């Protein structure tokens, strides 16, 4: 029987800006008070190969793929889903001020279409940078106007699991024009290098969950440990267009019962970044938490202020509570754009890539329609917005709701592992203009009196 879900202290985290990050130690979280130590950069003891990432993911991701006919031949289905340290996540206020379980957001009935623009990675596209096999490709506009794609586990050789395992790596497009994006460079030149120290000892890795730019500085958030067993997450910055990265801080993988492992940042025009977070484990049920942090204090864990429901009201500074229905999450992406906010994610049950569009970071996501952008299919039957084994779904800088572009990853065998560029058409944006602060406060008060989420 799982323990109740008890939020940790607001803003908890470890490390201070500019200090040395703690080493990745593998499964689970480090003991409380563990001393900081440098990242290990040595190969696994004895020089043998680290456990294959695919072998781990086959067990964890297999259930979702099996239900859609996407499970690779010979791979067994995963065990039933398990919650993160207890499944009873505090949810939205019911009429009268009590707490009631949240109901799933409705899936919007509108017709959404899509089309693949191009493969961004693969032997023909990125083999020249010793990165023919890679995924994620989170796109960020660099201060110089180019695009940097931060990728996950990357290999050279003949397929996934080949030699020269690196994570994360940075691939570049000198053009940020959405009509002409292609990879024509890499951090490291002809050999894409790992952006931070990660020796993969014992099968650990460094998976990016977000990369974004504030002014002349880029920021990157990484999840560290054996895949889906996050020891900690850490945060880095670059002031040279992603060529080099400086460590800022880290958070324990156990914070908020694991629901602060995977983070994504919306850079707003009010001086804050708004941060959504979940557990990084596709088989674990997790809430979706919201924090805000001043853009001048991104590397200070104590500056992250949670949004939560307590004493009959939602407010900043309350212990964080889920802002939508708890579920199994894949990758997540949160962006401020067109005066509104876009949240995209890989939904694990039913497998699909979805989006919500809303006016404010504190909008009611329990009732905001969930719009399906990408649907799964089987290899050989792809077309439009149907993709075999899709994941990722990171929004391209420069997208608008009328011209919406995302980076979609794919992986179903050792040579079908790539990042692709998709355009999505038909998303419904918030019809009304973004309200003023006074109007927002009035609307939030009205919804609170009606017993709804604000």
Protein backbone atom coordinates (compact mmCIF):
# COMPACT_ATOMS: atom_id res chain seq x y z
CA UNK A 1 0.00 0.00 0.00
CA UNK A 2 1.46 3.35 -1.01
CA UNK A 3 2.06 6.16 1.42
CA UNK A 4 -0.08 9.31 1.22
CA UNK A 5 1.13 12.07 -1.06
CA UNK A 6 2.61 14.77 1.14
CA UNK A 7 4.18 17.78 -0.60
CA UNK A 8 7.70 18.67 0.42
CA UNK A 9 8.70 22.13 1.58
CA UNK A 10 8.18 24.89 -0.96
CA UNK A 11 11.25 25.70 -2.97
CA UNK A 12 13.27 22.80 -1.58
CA UNK A 13 16.33 21.95 -3.59
CA UNK A 14 20.00 21.29 -3.27
CA UNK A 15 23.05 23.01 -4.55
CA UNK A 16 23.75 26.68 -4.96
CA UNK A 17 24.25 28.63 -8.13
CA UNK A 18 27.66 27.89 -9.59
CA UNK A 19 28.57 25.04 -7.20
CA UNK A 20 29.66 21.57 -8.30
CA UNK A 21 26.79 19.17 -9.06
CA UNK A 22 26.30 15.93 -7.15
CA UNK A 23 27.24 12.72 -8.91
CA UNK A 24 24.56 10.54 -10.42
CA UNK A 25 24.25 7.42 -8.31
CA UNK A 26 21.65 5.38 -10.15
CA UNK A 27 18.24 4.26 -8.99
CA UNK A 28 16.42 6.14 -6.30
CA UNK A 29 17.29 9.34 -4.52
CA UNK A 30 20.46 10.07 -2.60
CA UNK A 31 20.21 10.02 1.19
CA UNK A 32 19.17 13.28 2.77
CA UNK A 33 22.15 15.44 3.49
CA UNK A 34 24.44 13.55 1.13
CA UNK A 35 27.52 15.57 0.35
CA UNK A 36 27.98 17.05 -3.08
CA UNK A 37 30.53 15.47 -5.38
CA UNK A 38 31.62 15.98 -8.97
CA UNK A 39 29.88 14.12 -11.79
CA UNK A 40 31.59 10.90 -12.64
CA UNK A 41 33.01 10.83 -16.15
CA UNK A 42 34.51 7.34 -16.09
CA UNK A 43 33.07 4.43 -18.12
CA UNK A 44 31.42 1.52 -16.27
CA UNK A 45 33.80 -0.56 -14.17
CA UNK A 46 35.65 -3.13 -16.20
CA UNK A 47 35.02 -1.30 -19.45
CA UNK A 48 32.00 -3.39 -20.36
CA UNK A 49 28.91 -1.92 -22.02
CA UNK A 50 26.35 -0.10 -19.90
CA UNK A 51 22.83 -1.55 -19.81
CA UNK A 52 21.03 -0.70 -23.04
CA UNK A 53 18.55 2.16 -22.71
CA UNK A 54 16.18 0.31 -25.01
CA UNK A 55 16.07 -2.69 -22.66
CA UNK A 56 14.92 -0.44 -19.84
CA UNK A 57 12.36 1.47 -21.89
CA UNK A 58 10.95 -1.70 -23.44
CA UNK A 59 9.69 -2.69 -20.00
CA UNK A 60 8.49 0.74 -18.93
CA UNK A 61 7.00 2.00 -22.20
CA UNK A 62 5.85 -1.38 -23.45
CA UNK A 63 2.36 -1.31 -21.99
CA UNK A 64 1.40 1.82 -23.87
CA UNK A 65 2.89 0.57 -27.11
CA UNK A 66 1.35 -2.86 -26.70
CA UNK A 67 -2.11 -1.36 -26.47
CA UNK A 68 -1.68 0.36 -29.81
CA UNK A 69 0.08 -2.30 -31.83
CA UNK A 70 3.37 -0.41 -31.59
CA UNK A 71 5.25 -2.83 -29.36
CA UNK A 72 8.39 -4.12 -31.12
CA UNK A 73 8.38 -7.80 -31.91
CA UNK A 74 9.54 -9.93 -29.02
CA UNK A 75 9.08 -7.26 -26.35
CA UNK A 76 6.88 -8.13 -23.38
CA UNK A 77 4.25 -5.79 -22.04
CA UNK A 78 4.96 -3.78 -18.93
CA UNK A 79 3.37 -4.48 -15.60
CA UNK A 80 0.32 -2.52 -14.50
CA UNK A 81 0.80 1.16 -13.75
CA UNK A 82 1.81 2.20 -10.25
CA UNK A 83 1.34 5.60 -8.65
CA UNK A 84 4.09 7.89 -7.46
CA UNK A 85 4.28 7.44 -3.68
CA UNK A 86 0.51 7.30 -3.44
CA UNK A 87 -2.13 8.04 -6.01
CA UNK A 88 -4.49 10.30 -4.06
CA UNK A 89 -3.38 13.66 -5.36
CA UNK A 90 -5.12 16.65 -3.79
CA UNK A 91 -7.36 18.01 -6.51
CA UNK A 92 -9.66 20.88 -7.29
CA UNK A 93 -12.08 22.57 -4.87
CA UNK A 94 -15.67 21.38 -5.04
CA UNK A 95 -18.70 23.61 -4.57
CA UNK A 96 -18.84 24.74 -0.98
CA UNK A 97 -15.06 24.89 -0.59
CA UNK A 98 -14.37 21.17 -0.05
CA UNK A 99 -11.95 19.03 -2.05
CA UNK A 100 -13.26 16.81 -4.81
CA UNK A 101 -11.44 14.61 -7.30
CA UNK A 102 -10.63 16.37 -10.54
CA UNK A 103 -12.35 15.25 -13.68
CA UNK A 104 -10.45 14.71 -16.88
CA UNK A 105 -10.38 17.58 -19.33
CA UNK A 106 -12.61 17.04 -22.33
CA UNK A 107 -10.94 16.15 -25.60
CA UNK A 108 -11.80 18.86 -28.11
CA UNK A 109 -13.90 17.58 -31.02
CA UNK A 110 -12.39 19.94 -33.61
CA UNK A 111 -10.59 18.50 -36.62
CA UNK A 112 -6.82 18.83 -36.26
CA UNK A 113 -4.56 17.88 -39.13
CA UNK A 114 -0.84 17.72 -39.44
CA UNK A 115 1.98 16.96 -41.79
CA UNK A 116 5.59 15.91 -41.53
CA UNK A 117 7.89 18.61 -42.83
CA UNK A 118 11.15 16.67 -42.66
CA UNK A 119 13.36 14.30 -40.74
CA UNK A 120 15.70 16.46 -38.68
CA UNK A 121 18.05 13.66 -37.64
CA UNK A 122 19.25 10.38 -39.09
CA UNK A 123 22.31 9.08 -40.95
CA UNK A 124 21.70 11.40 -43.91
CA UNK A 125 20.88 14.44 -41.81
CA UNK A 126 23.20 14.24 -38.79
CA UNK A 127 25.60 11.38 -39.52
CA UNK A 128 28.20 13.99 -40.50
CA UNK A 129 28.21 15.12 -36.85
CA UNK A 130 28.65 11.58 -35.47
CA UNK A 131 25.02 11.73 -34.32
CA UNK A 132 22.98 9.57 -36.71
CA UNK A 133 20.84 8.15 -33.90
CA UNK A 134 19.31 10.61 -31.44
CA UNK A 135 15.98 11.81 -30.09
CA UNK A 136 14.03 14.64 -28.36
CA UNK A 137 15.64 17.61 -30.14
CA UNK A 138 14.14 20.31 -27.90
CA UNK A 139 14.34 23.47 -30.03
CA UNK A 140 15.42 26.82 -28.59
CA UNK A 141 16.28 30.09 -30.31
CA UNK A 142 19.83 31.14 -29.42
CA UNK A 143 20.64 34.77 -28.65
CA UNK A 144 22.33 34.99 -32.09
CA UNK A 145 19.05 34.01 -33.81
CA UNK A 146 19.98 30.44 -34.76
CA UNK A 147 18.23 27.32 -33.42
CA UNK A 148 19.77 24.85 -31.00
CA UNK A 149 18.22 21.38 -30.74
CA UNK A 150 19.11 19.70 -27.45
CA UNK A 151 18.91 15.95 -27.93
CA UNK A 152 18.84 12.98 -25.59
CA UNK A 153 20.68 9.68 -25.82
CA UNK A 154 22.84 9.85 -28.93
CA UNK A 155 24.87 7.15 -30.67
CA UNK A 156 27.21 6.70 -33.61
CA UNK A 157 27.58 3.44 -35.52
CA UNK A 158 24.86 1.30 -37.05
CA UNK A 159 21.97 1.94 -34.66
CA UNK A 160 20.67 2.65 -31.18
CA UNK A 161 23.06 1.25 -28.60
CA UNK A 162 26.02 1.74 -30.92
CA UNK A 163 29.33 3.26 -29.87
CA UNK A 164 29.98 6.74 -28.52
CA UNK A 165 26.98 7.14 -26.27
CA UNK A 166 26.46 10.82 -25.37
CA UNK A 167 23.69 12.78 -23.66
CA UNK A 168 22.72 15.49 -24.05
CA UNK A 169 24.08 16.83 -27.34
CA UNK A 170 23.38 20.05 -29.21
CA UNK A 171 22.60 20.18 -32.92
CA UNK A 172 22.23 23.48 -34.78
CA UNK A 173 20.21 25.06 -37.56
CA UNK A 174 21.65 28.35 -38.76
CA UNK A 175 18.15 29.25 -39.97
CA UNK A 176 15.28 29.76 -37.54
CA UNK A 177 12.80 30.25 -40.40
CA UNK A 178 10.26 27.48 -39.88
CA UNK A 179 10.13 26.90 -43.64
CA UNK A 180 13.85 26.17 -43.92
CA UNK A 181 15.00 24.50 -40.72
CA UNK A 182 17.68 21.84 -41.20
CA UNK A 183 20.58 20.65 -39.09
CA UNK A 184 23.79 22.16 -40.45
CA UNK A 185 26.03 22.21 -37.39
CA UNK A 186 26.66 20.80 -33.94
CA UNK A 187 28.18 21.82 -30.65
CA UNK A 188 31.59 20.26 -31.09
CA UNK A 189 31.74 20.65 -34.88
CA UNK A 190 32.10 17.43 -36.85
CA UNK A 191 31.70 15.39 -33.66
CA UNK A 192 28.74 16.41 -31.53
CA UNK A 193 29.95 16.44 -27.94
CA UNK A 194 28.14 15.84 -24.70
CA UNK A 195 27.07 19.23 -23.38
CA UNK A 196 27.77 18.33 -19.72
CA UNK A 197 29.83 15.64 -17.98
CA UNK A 198 28.01 12.28 -18.05
CA UNK A 199 29.98 9.05 -18.08
CA UNK A 200 26.92 6.70 -18.14
CA UNK A 201 28.49 4.64 -15.33
CA UNK A 202 26.05 1.92 -14.34
CA UNK A 203 23.67 2.94 -17.13
CA UNK A 204 22.98 6.47 -15.94
CA UNK A 205 22.21 9.22 -18.41
CA UNK A 206 21.28 12.91 -18.63
CA UNK A 207 17.92 13.45 -20.34
CA UNK A 208 16.92 17.03 -21.19
CA UNK A 209 13.39 18.09 -20.33
CA UNK A 210 13.69 21.70 -21.47
CA UNK A 211 15.97 24.34 -22.97
CA UNK A 212 14.97 27.98 -23.34
CA UNK A 213 16.37 31.50 -23.61
CA UNK A 214 15.93 34.56 -21.41
CA UNK A 215 17.63 37.61 -22.87
CA UNK A 216 21.22 36.69 -23.70
CA UNK A 217 21.27 33.54 -21.57
CA UNK A 218 20.16 30.00 -22.39
CA UNK A 219 19.01 27.54 -19.72
CA UNK A 220 18.81 23.74 -19.76
CA UNK A 221 17.11 21.33 -17.35
CA UNK A 222 18.33 17.73 -17.15
CA UNK A 223 17.05 14.57 -15.43
CA UNK A 224 19.89 12.43 -14.07
CA UNK A 225 20.07 8.74 -13.19
CA UNK A 226 19.09 5.43 -14.74
CA UNK A 227 16.23 6.07 -17.16
CA UNK A 228 12.93 6.55 -15.25
CA UNK A 229 14.76 6.25 -11.91
CA UNK A 230 15.68 9.89 -11.48
CA UNK A 231 18.29 10.46 -8.78
CA UNK A 232 18.15 14.24 -9.20
CA UNK A 233 17.57 16.90 -11.80
CA UNK A 234 19.99 19.72 -12.46
CA UNK A 235 19.99 23.10 -14.14
CA UNK A 236 22.58 24.74 -16.40
CA UNK A 237 23.11 28.01 -18.26
CA UNK A 238 25.02 29.14 -21.32
CA UNK A 239 26.05 32.64 -22.35
CA UNK A 240 27.68 31.62 -25.66
CA UNK A 241 24.73 30.28 -27.69
CA UNK A 242 24.93 26.82 -26.16
CA UNK A 243 28.61 26.14 -26.85
CA UNK A 244 29.50 25.74 -23.15
CA UNK A 245 27.34 25.25 -20.06
CA UNK A 246 27.74 26.29 -16.42
CA UNK A 247 26.13 24.30 -13.63
CA UNK A 248 23.64 26.26 -11.50
CA UNK A 249 21.73 24.03 -9.08
CA UNK A 250 19.88 20.75 -8.59
CA UNK A 251 16.78 19.24 -6.99
CA UNK A 252 16.46 15.78 -5.40
CA UNK A 253 14.48 13.26 -7.42
CA UNK A 254 12.25 12.63 -4.40
CA UNK A 255 10.99 16.22 -4.12
CA UNK A 256 7.17 16.41 -4.07
CA UNK A 257 7.13 12.62 -4.25
CA UNK A 258 8.92 12.69 -7.59
CA UNK A 259 6.59 15.20 -9.22
CA UNK A 260 9.33 17.83 -9.62
CA UNK A 261 11.62 15.66 -11.76
CA UNK A 262 10.50 16.67 -15.26
CA UNK A 263 10.21 20.45 -15.67
CA UNK A 264 9.27 22.76 -18.52
CA UNK A 265 9.42 26.57 -18.49
CA UNK A 266 7.20 29.25 -20.05
CA UNK A 267 9.03 32.58 -20.28
CA UNK A 268 6.36 35.22 -19.61
CA UNK A 269 6.38 38.97 -20.16
CA UNK A 270 5.82 39.76 -16.45
CA UNK A 271 9.35 38.96 -15.26
CA UNK A 272 8.54 35.37 -14.26
CA UNK A 273 9.02 31.94 -15.72
CA UNK A 274 6.12 29.61 -15.05
CA UNK A 275 7.17 26.00 -14.50
CA UNK A 276 5.10 22.86 -14.97
CA UNK A 277 6.43 19.57 -13.58
CA UNK A 278 5.63 15.87 -13.38
CA UNK A 279 7.33 12.65 -12.45
CA UNK A 280 9.70 11.33 -15.13
CA UNK A 281 8.31 7.81 -15.45
CA UNK A 282 5.75 6.90 -18.07
CA UNK A 283 4.33 4.08 -15.94
CA UNK A 284 3.78 6.22 -12.84
CA UNK A 285 0.64 8.23 -12.17
CA UNK A 286 1.65 11.82 -11.44
CA UNK A 287 0.00 15.14 -10.84
CA UNK A 288 0.97 18.27 -12.78
CA UNK A 289 2.47 20.94 -10.51
CA UNK A 290 2.83 24.67 -11.20
CA UNK A 291 5.53 27.00 -9.86
CA UNK A 292 6.72 30.47 -10.75
CA UNK A 293 10.23 31.86 -10.42
CA UNK A 294 11.65 35.33 -11.15
CA UNK A 295 13.67 35.24 -14.33
CA UNK A 296 16.58 36.76 -12.40
CA UNK A 297 16.59 33.81 -9.93
CA UNK A 298 16.21 30.76 -12.16
CA UNK A 299 19.24 29.10 -10.55
CA UNK A 300 17.96 29.53 -6.98
CA UNK A 301 15.75 26.60 -5.88
CA UNK A 302 14.27 28.52 -2.94
CA UNK A 303 12.91 31.15 -5.37
CA UNK A 304 10.52 28.64 -6.99
CA UNK A 305 7.09 29.47 -5.54
CA UNK A 306 4.38 26.79 -5.79
CA UNK A 307 0.72 27.25 -6.69
CA UNK A 308 -1.68 25.21 -4.59
CA UNK A 309 -5.04 24.86 -2.93
CA UNK A 310 -5.33 25.31 0.84
CA UNK A 311 -7.90 26.67 3.29
CA UNK A 312 -10.53 26.97 0.60
CA UNK A 313 -8.49 28.92 -1.94
CA UNK A 314 -5.79 28.62 -4.57
CA UNK A 315 -2.77 30.86 -4.01
CA UNK A 316 0.94 31.26 -4.69
CA UNK A 317 2.97 30.01 -1.74
CA UNK A 318 0.58 27.21 -0.77
CA UNK A 319 1.94 23.68 -0.91
CA UNK A 320 1.70 22.55 -4.56
CA UNK A 321 -1.34 20.58 -5.62
CA UNK A 322 -2.03 19.13 -9.04
CA UNK A 323 -3.57 21.61 -11.47
CA UNK A 324 -5.15 18.93 -13.67
CA UNK A 325 -6.11 15.28 -13.53
CA UNK A 326 -3.28 13.01 -12.42
CA UNK A 327 -2.22 10.61 -15.15
CA UNK A 328 0.79 8.94 -16.78
CA UNK A 329 2.83 11.60 -18.57
CA UNK A 330 5.44 11.41 -21.27
CA UNK A 331 7.35 14.51 -22.35
CA UNK A 332 5.88 17.93 -21.53
CA UNK A 333 6.40 21.41 -23.04
CA UNK A 334 5.06 24.76 -21.75
CA UNK A 335 5.38 27.98 -23.76
CA UNK A 336 4.11 31.56 -23.65
CA UNK A 337 3.10 32.63 -27.16
CA UNK A 338 0.64 34.91 -28.94
CA UNK A 339 -0.31 36.50 -25.60
CA UNK A 340 -1.49 33.12 -24.31
CA UNK A 341 0.01 29.84 -23.10
CA UNK A 342 0.45 26.52 -24.86
CA UNK A 343 1.01 23.25 -23.01
CA UNK A 344 1.81 20.15 -25.07
CA UNK A 345 2.51 16.65 -23.83
CA UNK A 346 2.71 12.97 -24.64
CA UNK A 347 -0.41 11.39 -23.14
CA UNK A 348 0.19 7.77 -22.22
CA UNK A 349 -3.41 6.57 -21.85
CA UNK A 350 -4.78 6.86 -24.51
CA UNK A 351 -1.45 7.24 -26.35
CA UNK A 352 -1.52 10.56 -28.18
CA UNK A 353 0.21 13.93 -28.30
CA UNK A 354 -2.06 16.63 -26.91
CA UNK A 355 -2.23 20.40 -26.42
CA UNK A 356 -4.08 22.82 -24.21
CA UNK A 357 -4.24 26.56 -24.91
CA UNK A 358 -5.22 28.98 -22.17
CA UNK A 359 -5.03 32.62 -21.17
CA UNK A 360 -3.15 32.53 -17.86
CA UNK A 361 -0.69 30.17 -16.12
CA UNK A 362 -3.34 29.71 -13.40
CA UNK A 363 -6.17 28.94 -15.82
CA UNK A 364 -8.40 25.97 -15.05
CA UNK A 365 -6.81 23.01 -16.84
CA UNK A 366 -9.41 20.59 -15.49
CA UNK A 367 -11.91 22.13 -17.91
CA UNK A 368 -9.64 23.42 -20.69
CA UNK A 369 -10.18 21.22 -23.78
CA UNK A 370 -7.41 18.76 -24.58
CA UNK A 371 -6.69 18.90 -28.30
CA UNK A 372 -5.12 15.83 -29.91
CA UNK A 373 -2.30 16.84 -32.27
CA UNK A 374 -0.56 13.53 -33.07
CA UNK A 375 -2.11 10.06 -33.09
CA UNK A 376 -0.27 6.72 -33.11
CA UNK A 377 -0.17 4.25 -35.94
CA UNK A 378 1.96 1.30 -37.00
CA UNK A 379 5.14 1.45 -39.11
CA UNK A 380 4.32 1.70 -42.79
CA UNK A 381 0.95 3.31 -42.18
CA UNK A 382 2.06 6.83 -41.35
CA UNK A 383 0.58 9.92 -42.93
CA UNK A 384 -0.78 13.29 -41.93
CA UNK A 385 -0.59 13.50 -38.14
CA UNK A 386 -0.43 9.71 -37.62
CA UNK A 387 3.04 8.67 -36.40
CA UNK A 388 4.45 5.28 -35.42
CA UNK A 389 5.75 5.30 -31.83
CA UNK A 390 5.57 9.08 -31.30
CA UNK A 391 6.96 10.98 -28.34
CA UNK A 392 8.41 14.40 -27.56
CA UNK A 393 6.27 17.16 -29.05
CA UNK A 394 8.36 20.25 -28.25
CA UNK A 395 7.15 23.56 -29.67
CA UNK A 396 9.39 25.39 -32.13
CA UNK A 397 10.27 29.00 -31.32
CA UNK A 398 8.48 31.25 -33.79
CA UNK A 399 5.34 29.11 -33.82
CA UNK A 400 1.93 30.73 -33.70
CA UNK A 401 -1.39 29.03 -33.12
CA UNK A 402 -2.09 29.47 -36.82
CA UNK A 403 1.33 28.08 -37.78
CA UNK A 404 2.20 25.56 -35.06
CA UNK A 405 5.37 23.49 -35.35
CA UNK A 406 6.63 20.73 -33.05
CA UNK A 407 9.62 18.40 -32.83
CA UNK A 408 8.34 14.81 -32.70
CA UNK A 409 10.57 11.86 -31.85
CA UNK A 410 10.11 8.29 -33.04
CA UNK A 411 11.61 4.99 -31.93
CA UNK A 412 10.47 1.48 -32.75
CA UNK A 413 13.66 -0.36 -33.71
CA UNK A 414 17.40 0.19 -33.68
CA UNK A 415 17.43 2.26 -36.88
CA UNK A 416 14.06 3.97 -36.61
CA UNK A 417 15.10 6.45 -33.93
CA UNK A 418 14.95 10.08 -34.94
CA UNK A 419 13.66 13.63 -34.49
CA UNK A 420 11.13 14.93 -37.02
CA UNK A 421 9.63 18.33 -37.80
CA UNK A 422 5.81 18.44 -37.89
CA UNK A 423 3.33 21.21 -38.56
CA UNK A 424 -0.05 21.02 -36.80
CA UNK A 425 -3.13 22.79 -38.18
CA UNK A 426 -6.50 23.42 -36.59
CA UNK A 427 -5.61 24.16 -32.97
CA UNK A 428 -8.24 26.26 -31.24
CA UNK A 429 -6.68 29.19 -29.41
CA UNK A 430 -8.42 31.06 -26.61
CA UNK A 431 -11.00 33.13 -28.53
CA UNK A 432 -10.93 36.23 -26.34
CA UNK A 433 -7.98 38.56 -25.92
CA UNK A 434 -5.85 38.01 -22.85
CA UNK A 435 -7.62 39.69 -19.91
CA UNK A 436 -6.18 42.56 -17.93
CA UNK A 437 -4.89 41.84 -14.43
CA UNK A 438 -7.99 43.44 -12.91
CA UNK A 439 -10.28 41.37 -15.11
CA UNK A 440 -8.25 38.25 -14.28
CA UNK A 441 -8.63 38.85 -10.55
CA UNK A 442 -12.36 39.38 -10.96
CA UNK A 443 -12.74 36.19 -13.01
CA UNK A 444 -10.62 34.16 -10.59
CA UNK A 445 -12.72 35.37 -7.68
CA UNK A 446 -15.93 34.47 -9.47
CA UNK A 447 -14.66 30.96 -10.24
CA UNK A 448 -13.48 30.48 -6.66
CA UNK A 449 -16.92 31.45 -5.36
CA UNK A 450 -18.41 28.93 -7.78
CA UNK A 451 -16.09 26.25 -6.44
CA UNK A 452 -13.97 25.90 -9.57
CA UNK A 453 -10.21 25.89 -10.05
CA UNK A 454 -8.48 29.22 -10.66
